[in-house]
Amino acid sequence: MSVEEQRLRLERHMVMNPSLKPQLAEAVREAYSFAVIRASKETGLEKNVLPKVCPWPFEQMMQEDFLPERETCQGE
């Protein structure tokens, strides 16, 4: 599934389930933890070289033109 498709699905899911909004910060923290593990395995980078917490706000990650490699990590 592409990043674009995942964003669209998540956006739709949030619209259909507005009660999930208060849980969004925790969901991002959890997803980021799993993403760090996956990125470490896929790239061979040590986990400790990646930011410990997600450096991007949810709203920014949902922007159509956002891709992390185009942005500067706030944690670096």
Protein backbone atom coordinates (compact mmCIF):
# COMPACT_ATOMS: atom_id res chain seq x y z
CA MET A 1 0.00 0.00 0.00
CA SER A 2 1.42 3.39 -0.93
CA VAL A 3 1.89 6.25 1.51
CA GLU A 4 -0.78 8.18 -0.37
CA GLU A 5 -3.27 5.32 -0.05
CA GLN A 6 -2.50 4.89 3.64
CA ARG A 7 -3.09 8.59 4.25
CA LEU A 8 -6.42 8.48 2.44
CA ARG A 9 -7.53 5.40 4.37
CA LEU A 10 -6.49 6.93 7.67
CA GLU A 11 -8.20 10.22 6.86
CA ARG A 12 -11.41 8.39 6.00
CA HIS A 13 -11.15 6.27 9.14
CA MET A 14 -10.73 9.37 11.30
CA VAL A 15 -13.74 11.06 9.67
CA MET A 16 -15.86 7.98 10.25
CA ASN A 17 -14.62 7.58 13.84
CA PRO A 18 -14.15 11.05 15.36
CA SER A 19 -14.09 9.54 18.84
CA LEU A 20 -10.58 8.26 18.04
CA LYS A 21 -9.10 11.76 17.96
CA PRO A 22 -8.24 11.82 21.70
CA GLN A 23 -6.24 8.61 21.20
CA LEU A 24 -4.26 9.95 18.25
CA ALA A 25 -1.12 10.99 20.14
CA GLU A 26 -0.76 7.55 21.72
CA ALA A 27 -1.40 5.84 18.37
CA VAL A 28 1.34 7.92 16.73
CA ARG A 29 3.78 7.09 19.56
CA GLU A 30 3.05 3.39 19.22
CA ALA A 31 3.24 3.38 15.42
CA TYR A 32 6.50 5.32 15.51
CA SER A 33 8.04 2.77 17.88
CA PHE A 34 7.22 0.00 15.42
CA ALA A 35 8.45 2.13 12.51
CA VAL A 36 11.84 2.62 14.19
CA ILE A 37 12.21 -1.14 14.59
CA ARG A 38 11.29 -1.73 10.96
CA ALA A 39 13.53 1.06 9.67
CA SER A 40 16.44 -0.33 11.66
CA LYS A 41 15.94 -3.80 10.22
CA GLU A 42 15.45 -2.58 6.64
CA THR A 43 18.35 -0.11 6.59
CA GLY A 44 20.83 -1.72 8.96
CA LEU A 45 20.94 1.48 11.01
CA GLU A 46 21.12 1.20 14.76
CA LYS A 47 17.87 2.24 16.45
CA ASN A 48 19.72 4.74 18.63
CA VAL A 49 20.62 6.90 15.60
CA LEU A 50 16.94 7.54 14.91
CA PRO A 51 14.92 10.06 16.93
CA LYS A 52 13.44 8.45 20.05
CA VAL A 53 10.08 10.14 19.51
CA CYS A 54 8.32 10.97 16.28
CA PRO A 55 9.67 14.37 15.21
CA TRP A 56 6.67 15.28 13.07
CA PRO A 57 3.17 16.24 14.17
CA PHE A 58 0.33 14.10 12.87
CA GLU A 59 -1.07 16.97 10.81
CA GLN A 60 2.25 17.38 9.00
CA MET A 61 2.55 13.65 8.29
CA MET A 62 -0.92 13.70 6.75
CA GLN A 63 -0.01 16.43 4.25
CA GLU A 64 -0.03 15.10 0.70
CA ASP A 65 3.47 16.34 -0.14
CA PHE A 66 5.15 15.32 3.13
CA LEU A 67 7.91 12.74 3.06
CA PRO A 68 10.39 12.49 5.96
CA GLU A 69 13.51 12.52 3.78
CA ARG A 70 12.49 15.95 2.54
CA GLU A 71 12.27 17.32 6.05
CA THR A 72 14.78 18.02 8.78
CA CYS A 73 14.29 15.93 11.89
CA GLN A 74 13.57 18.15 14.87
CA GLY A 75 15.27 15.59 17.11
CA GLU A 76 18.63 15.81 15.34
